[in-house]
Amino acid sequence: MWGIDFSDEASSGFAIGSVDKQNDGAKITYIAKAANVQHVKDDVYLLTYAFQSGDQLQLTITKKTTDYNYHFPGTTTENQIIVAMFNGETLDLIASDVSIQPRSEENKLYTVTNLHTTSSGDFNGTIGRVPLLE
């Protein structure tokens, strides 16, 4: 359903890209240190970005279809973002999306994040070389 095979966890450290946090004070660019999409159970997955600064962004998502896009809010019949957390704190999401696209030549995923919150600003960026973990 993802268009790639599962990878070894050690490949999480090959992620490349960044996410900008803006519209909540000064713009901050978080550079990827590691990233992965890990199967939790059934159709639930956890997308984790670990940044060089020590910060972490996690999105719990459900994969219902072969579509690459995940929405918040969403419906139970489509891919959706269930919850997003930054450094362990739940983000108060409003209309947000993440796109997770296969890169079969790398056996990795390419992600485009577009998260909007009511009180923590926006998180926008791209991170590639993201492995799929069991």
Protein backbone atom coordinates (compact mmCIF):
# COMPACT_ATOMS: atom_id res chain seq x y z
CA MET A 1 0.00 0.00 0.00
CA TRP A 2 2.96 2.36 0.55
CA GLY A 3 4.77 1.63 -2.72
CA ILE A 4 8.01 0.69 -0.91
CA ASP A 5 9.24 -2.13 1.33
CA PHE A 6 9.99 -2.00 5.05
CA SER A 7 13.50 -0.85 5.99
CA ASP A 8 15.87 -1.32 8.90
CA GLU A 9 15.59 1.23 11.73
CA ALA A 10 19.25 2.21 11.24
CA SER A 11 18.29 3.88 7.95
CA SER A 12 16.26 6.52 9.87
CA GLY A 13 19.45 8.58 10.23
CA PHE A 14 19.69 9.21 6.47
CA ALA A 15 16.73 11.64 6.42
CA ILE A 16 17.37 14.96 4.72
CA GLY A 17 15.40 18.21 4.75
CA SER A 18 13.88 20.70 7.15
CA VAL A 19 10.67 22.04 8.66
CA ASP A 20 10.09 25.75 9.31
CA LYS A 21 8.05 26.87 12.31
CA GLN A 22 6.61 30.32 11.66
CA ASN A 23 3.75 32.73 12.41
CA ASP A 24 4.37 32.34 16.16
CA GLY A 25 7.28 34.67 16.82
CA ALA A 26 10.56 34.41 14.96
CA LYS A 27 10.85 31.84 12.17
CA ILE A 28 12.79 28.73 13.26
CA THR A 29 14.18 26.18 10.81
CA TYR A 30 14.50 22.65 12.16
CA ILE A 31 17.03 20.51 10.26
CA ALA A 32 16.29 16.77 10.07
CA LYS A 33 18.59 14.44 11.99
CA ALA A 34 16.42 11.33 11.61
CA ALA A 35 12.91 10.43 10.45
CA ASN A 36 10.71 7.39 9.93
CA VAL A 37 7.17 6.13 9.45
CA GLN A 38 6.51 3.26 11.84
CA HIS A 39 3.58 0.86 11.85
CA VAL A 40 1.74 1.01 15.19
CA LYS A 41 -1.25 -1.30 14.63
CA ASP A 42 -3.86 -2.02 11.97
CA ASP A 43 -3.99 1.12 9.77
CA VAL A 44 -2.28 3.42 12.32
CA TYR A 45 1.25 4.74 11.70
CA LEU A 46 3.55 7.20 13.47
CA LEU A 47 5.53 9.72 11.39
CA THR A 48 8.46 10.97 13.47
CA TYR A 49 10.90 13.76 12.68
CA ALA A 50 13.90 14.14 15.03
CA PHE A 51 15.77 17.39 14.50
CA GLN A 52 19.42 18.34 15.04
CA SER A 53 18.27 20.79 17.73
CA GLY A 54 16.91 17.91 19.84
CA ASP A 55 13.30 18.85 19.05
CA GLN A 56 10.83 16.26 17.75
CA LEU A 57 7.64 16.43 15.66
CA GLN A 58 5.34 13.38 15.60
CA LEU A 59 2.16 12.79 13.62
CA THR A 60 -0.16 9.87 14.26
CA ILE A 61 -1.86 9.03 10.98
CA THR A 62 -4.25 6.45 9.58
CA LYS A 63 -3.67 4.95 6.13
CA LYS A 64 -7.01 3.93 4.61
CA THR A 65 -6.29 4.36 0.88
CA THR A 66 -3.38 4.43 -1.58
CA ASP A 67 -3.67 8.24 -1.77
CA TYR A 68 -0.49 10.07 -0.69
CA ASN A 69 -2.30 12.84 1.23
CA TYR A 70 -3.40 12.91 4.87
CA HIS A 71 -5.77 15.57 6.19
CA PHE A 72 -6.86 17.14 9.44
CA PRO A 73 -9.68 17.15 9.97
CA GLY A 74 -10.45 14.08 7.94
CA THR A 75 -13.02 11.32 7.72
CA THR A 76 -12.80 7.70 8.84
CA THR A 77 -12.80 6.50 5.22
CA GLU A 78 -9.77 8.54 4.11
CA ASN A 79 -6.14 8.94 5.13
CA GLN A 80 -6.02 11.35 8.02
CA ILE A 81 -3.87 13.01 10.64
CA ILE A 82 -5.19 11.93 14.04
CA VAL A 83 -2.89 13.97 16.29
CA ALA A 84 0.33 15.98 16.01
CA MET A 85 2.80 16.51 18.83
CA PHE A 86 5.82 18.80 19.12
CA ASN A 87 8.26 17.90 21.90
CA GLY A 88 5.58 15.80 23.59
CA GLU A 89 2.95 18.57 23.58
CA THR A 90 -0.23 18.06 21.54
CA LEU A 91 -0.63 20.68 18.82
CA ASP A 92 -4.06 22.31 18.41
CA LEU A 93 -4.37 21.61 14.69
CA ILE A 94 -6.66 23.38 12.28
CA ALA A 95 -6.90 22.58 8.53
CA SER A 96 -3.61 20.73 7.95
CA ASP A 97 -2.09 18.24 5.53
CA VAL A 98 0.90 15.98 5.10
CA SER A 99 1.83 14.24 1.86
CA ILE A 100 3.83 11.00 2.06
CA GLN A 101 5.09 9.92 -1.34
CA PRO A 102 7.07 6.77 -2.23
CA ARG A 103 10.51 7.04 -3.80
CA SER A 104 10.86 3.47 -5.06
CA GLU A 105 14.38 4.03 -6.42
CA GLU A 106 15.52 4.77 -2.82
CA ASN A 107 13.01 2.47 -1.07
CA LYS A 108 12.19 5.53 1.06
CA LEU A 109 9.40 8.07 1.48
CA TYR A 110 9.36 11.80 0.70
CA THR A 111 7.20 13.95 3.00
CA VAL A 112 5.69 17.41 2.63
CA THR A 113 4.36 18.84 5.89
CA ASN A 114 1.82 21.67 6.05
CA LEU A 115 0.52 21.91 9.63
CA HIS A 116 -1.45 24.86 10.99
CA THR A 117 -2.29 25.42 14.66
CA THR A 118 -4.34 27.94 16.62
CA SER A 119 -1.59 28.80 19.12
CA SER A 120 1.78 27.32 18.05
CA GLY A 121 2.19 28.74 14.56
CA ASP A 122 2.66 26.73 11.38
CA PHE A 123 5.03 23.87 10.57
CA ASN A 124 5.91 23.67 6.86
CA GLY A 125 8.68 21.75 5.14
CA THR A 126 9.94 18.74 3.23
CA ILE A 127 11.93 15.78 4.49
CA GLY A 128 13.09 12.95 2.27
CA ARG A 129 14.83 9.58 2.66
CA VAL A 130 12.26 8.58 5.28
CA PRO A 131 12.16 4.79 5.84
CA LEU A 132 9.04 2.71 6.50
CA LEU A 133 9.51 0.59 9.65
CA GLU A 134 7.53 -2.44 10.85
